[in-house]
């Protein structure tokens, strides 16, 4: 863009070129969205098997609940075991099933 100004000294038009800044890309921070992971095995099973879980918002997403996820086991009368040495953490947990932790650990952020 070229703008024209009058010089105080000469009273003549002076052309000044203004430079526009180009937009720059900025790195974004990594974010993890809270998901509600539902137990998907009607006969019970191992906590640390991804196919036993399904994301409530995305039925194609099967993963073991993480610290940013809410875990829900809505099937009563089954047993879910945590028998591997893994250290798991979830945001919250609600369960209608018998949950047995025989190895590793499971921490819940929101009681």
C-alpha atoms as a PDB file:
ATOM      1  CA  UNK A   1       0.000   0.000   0.000  1.00  0.00           C
ATOM      2  CA  UNK A   2       1.349   3.425  -0.877  1.00  0.00           C
ATOM      3  CA  UNK A   3       0.205   6.471   1.038  1.00  0.00           C
ATOM      4  CA  UNK A   4       0.856  10.086   0.143  1.00  0.00           C
ATOM      5  CA  UNK A   5       1.747  12.667   2.796  1.00  0.00           C
ATOM      6  CA  UNK A   6       2.774  16.308   2.500  1.00  0.00           C
ATOM      7  CA  UNK A   7       6.239  17.036   3.757  1.00  0.00           C
ATOM      8  CA  UNK A   8       6.319  19.913   6.247  1.00  0.00           C
ATOM      9  CA  UNK A   9       9.538  21.246   4.858  1.00  0.00           C
ATOM     10  CA  UNK A  10       8.754  21.194   1.164  1.00  0.00           C
ATOM     11  CA  UNK A  11       4.998  20.984   1.051  1.00  0.00           C
ATOM     12  CA  UNK A  12       5.509  18.407  -1.652  1.00  0.00           C
ATOM     13  CA  UNK A  13       3.788  15.062  -1.624  1.00  0.00           C
ATOM     14  CA  UNK A  14       5.984  12.328  -0.205  1.00  0.00           C
ATOM     15  CA  UNK A  15       5.207   8.737  -0.900  1.00  0.00           C
ATOM     16  CA  UNK A  16       5.596   6.345   1.969  1.00  0.00           C
ATOM     17  CA  UNK A  17       5.333   2.614   1.500  1.00  0.00           C
ATOM     18  CA  UNK A  18       3.722   0.859   4.420  1.00  0.00           C
ATOM     19  CA  UNK A  19       4.597  -2.784   4.939  1.00  0.00           C
ATOM     20  CA  UNK A  20       2.018  -5.219   6.096  1.00  0.00           C
ATOM     21  CA  UNK A  21       3.096  -8.070   8.265  1.00  0.00           C
ATOM     22  CA  UNK A  22       2.551 -11.517   6.931  1.00  0.00           C
ATOM     23  CA  UNK A  23       0.580 -13.842   9.139  1.00  0.00           C
ATOM     24  CA  UNK A  24       2.827 -16.246  10.990  1.00  0.00           C
ATOM     25  CA  UNK A  25       2.116 -19.770  12.138  1.00  0.00           C
ATOM     26  CA  UNK A  26       2.296 -20.404  15.832  1.00  0.00           C
ATOM     27  CA  UNK A  27       2.799 -23.810  17.413  1.00  0.00           C
ATOM     28  CA  UNK A  28      -0.177 -24.888  19.492  1.00  0.00           C
ATOM     29  CA  UNK A  29       0.036 -26.733  22.754  1.00  0.00           C
ATOM     30  CA  UNK A  30      -0.982 -30.363  22.821  1.00  0.00           C
ATOM     31  CA  UNK A  31      -4.343 -30.989  24.430  1.00  0.00           C
ATOM     32  CA  UNK A  32      -6.129 -34.138  25.403  1.00  0.00           C
ATOM     33  CA  UNK A  33      -9.895 -34.096  25.395  1.00  0.00           C
ATOM     34  CA  UNK A  34     -11.887 -35.749  28.133  1.00  0.00           C
ATOM     35  CA  UNK A  35     -13.611 -38.879  26.824  1.00  0.00           C
ATOM     36  CA  UNK A  36     -16.131 -41.169  28.454  1.00  0.00           C
ATOM     37  CA  UNK A  37     -14.953 -44.734  27.961  1.00  0.00           C
ATOM     38  CA  UNK A  38     -17.683 -47.375  28.352  1.00  0.00           C
ATOM     39  CA  UNK A  39     -17.042 -51.025  29.220  1.00  0.00           C
ATOM     40  CA  UNK A  40     -18.015 -53.033  26.134  1.00  0.00           C
ATOM     41  CA  UNK A  41     -17.575 -56.677  27.174  1.00  0.00           C
ATOM     42  CA  UNK A  42     -20.814 -58.142  28.605  1.00  0.00           C
ATOM     43  CA  UNK A  43     -18.969 -61.094  30.145  1.00  0.00           C
ATOM     44  CA  UNK A  44     -16.335 -59.116  32.074  1.00  0.00           C
ATOM     45  CA  UNK A  45     -12.619 -59.344  31.472  1.00  0.00           C
ATOM     46  CA  UNK A  46      -9.289 -57.573  31.795  1.00  0.00           C
ATOM     47  CA  UNK A  47      -9.170 -53.804  32.353  1.00  0.00           C
ATOM     48  CA  UNK A  48      -6.051 -53.389  30.192  1.00  0.00           C
ATOM     49  CA  UNK A  49      -7.473 -54.771  26.941  1.00  0.00           C
ATOM     50  CA  UNK A  50      -8.421 -51.927  24.608  1.00  0.00           C
ATOM     51  CA  UNK A  51     -11.220 -53.835  22.841  1.00  0.00           C
ATOM     52  CA  UNK A  52     -13.072 -54.099  26.168  1.00  0.00           C
ATOM     53  CA  UNK A  53     -13.613 -50.305  26.029  1.00  0.00           C
ATOM     54  CA  UNK A  54     -15.407 -48.010  23.583  1.00  0.00           C
ATOM     55  CA  UNK A  55     -15.494 -44.232  23.460  1.00  0.00           C
ATOM     56  CA  UNK A  56     -19.056 -43.021  24.050  1.00  0.00           C
ATOM     57  CA  UNK A  57     -18.634 -40.193  21.509  1.00  0.00           C
ATOM     58  CA  UNK A  58     -16.776 -42.246  18.879  1.00  0.00           C
ATOM     59  CA  UNK A  59     -17.672 -45.959  18.540  1.00  0.00           C
ATOM     60  CA  UNK A  60     -14.571 -46.524  16.391  1.00  0.00           C
ATOM     61  CA  UNK A  61     -12.259 -45.523  19.263  1.00  0.00           C
ATOM     62  CA  UNK A  62     -11.268 -48.412  21.514  1.00  0.00           C
ATOM     63  CA  UNK A  63      -8.608 -47.670  24.106  1.00  0.00           C
ATOM     64  CA  UNK A  64      -7.932 -48.343  27.758  1.00  0.00           C
ATOM     65  CA  UNK A  65      -9.110 -45.308  29.765  1.00  0.00           C
ATOM     66  CA  UNK A  66      -6.384 -42.738  30.462  1.00  0.00           C
ATOM     67  CA  UNK A  67      -5.971 -40.013  33.058  1.00  0.00           C
ATOM     68  CA  UNK A  68      -8.032 -37.627  30.925  1.00  0.00           C
ATOM     69  CA  UNK A  69     -10.932 -40.104  30.532  1.00  0.00           C
ATOM     70  CA  UNK A  70     -13.990 -40.993  32.569  1.00  0.00           C
ATOM     71  CA  UNK A  71     -14.456 -44.769  32.859  1.00  0.00           C
ATOM     72  CA  UNK A  72     -17.920 -46.329  33.183  1.00  0.00           C
ATOM     73  CA  UNK A  73     -18.710 -50.001  33.713  1.00  0.00           C
ATOM     74  CA  UNK A  74     -22.500 -50.153  33.506  1.00  0.00           C
ATOM     75  CA  UNK A  75     -22.929 -53.951  33.392  1.00  0.00           C
ATOM     76  CA  UNK A  76     -23.855 -55.474  36.754  1.00  0.00           C
ATOM     77  CA  UNK A  77     -22.964 -59.026  37.759  1.00  0.00           C
ATOM     78  CA  UNK A  78     -19.637 -59.226  35.902  1.00  0.00           C
ATOM     79  CA  UNK A  79     -16.028 -59.135  37.102  1.00  0.00           C
ATOM     80  CA  UNK A  80     -13.430 -56.783  35.702  1.00  0.00           C
ATOM     81  CA  UNK A  81      -9.840 -57.482  36.716  1.00  0.00           C
ATOM     82  CA  UNK A  82      -6.748 -55.300  36.731  1.00  0.00           C
ATOM     83  CA  UNK A  83      -4.114 -58.002  36.773  1.00  0.00           C
ATOM     84  CA  UNK A  84      -1.206 -56.550  34.792  1.00  0.00           C
ATOM     85  CA  UNK A  85       1.665 -54.643  36.368  1.00  0.00           C
ATOM     86  CA  UNK A  86       0.677 -51.458  34.551  1.00  0.00           C
ATOM     87  CA  UNK A  87       0.037 -48.224  36.412  1.00  0.00           C
ATOM     88  CA  UNK A  88      -3.287 -46.854  35.158  1.00  0.00           C
ATOM     89  CA  UNK A  89      -5.029 -43.599  35.980  1.00  0.00           C
ATOM     90  CA  UNK A  90      -8.502 -42.302  35.099  1.00  0.00           C
ATOM     91  CA  UNK A  91     -10.262 -39.000  35.644  1.00  0.00           C
ATOM     92  CA  UNK A  92     -13.325 -40.664  37.198  1.00  0.00           C
ATOM     93  CA  UNK A  93     -14.734 -44.174  37.578  1.00  0.00           C
ATOM     94  CA  UNK A  94     -18.244 -45.492  38.054  1.00  0.00           C
ATOM     95  CA  UNK A  95     -18.846 -49.225  38.135  1.00  0.00           C
ATOM     96  CA  UNK A  96     -21.777 -51.596  38.553  1.00  0.00           C
ATOM     97  CA  UNK A  97     -19.379 -54.547  38.262  1.00  0.00           C
ATOM     98  CA  UNK A  98     -17.024 -56.217  40.703  1.00  0.00           C
ATOM     99  CA  UNK A  99     -13.618 -54.613  40.091  1.00  0.00           C
ATOM    100  CA  UNK A 100     -10.609 -56.585  41.316  1.00  0.00           C
ATOM    101  CA  UNK A 101      -7.097 -55.115  41.332  1.00  0.00           C
ATOM    102  CA  UNK A 102      -4.571 -57.924  41.820  1.00  0.00           C
ATOM    103  CA  UNK A 103      -1.485 -56.279  40.271  1.00  0.00           C
ATOM    104  CA  UNK A 104      -0.352 -52.843  39.170  1.00  0.00           C
ATOM    105  CA  UNK A 105      -2.370 -49.851  40.293  1.00  0.00           C
ATOM    106  CA  UNK A 106      -5.371 -47.795  39.307  1.00  0.00           C
ATOM    107  CA  UNK A 107      -5.718 -44.220  40.488  1.00  0.00           C
ATOM    108  CA  UNK A 108      -8.858 -42.114  40.193  1.00  0.00           C
ATOM    109  CA  UNK A 109      -8.562 -38.311  40.144  1.00  0.00           C
ATOM    110  CA  UNK A 110     -12.201 -37.489  40.959  1.00  0.00           C
ATOM    111  CA  UNK A 111     -13.687 -39.771  43.611  1.00  0.00           C
END
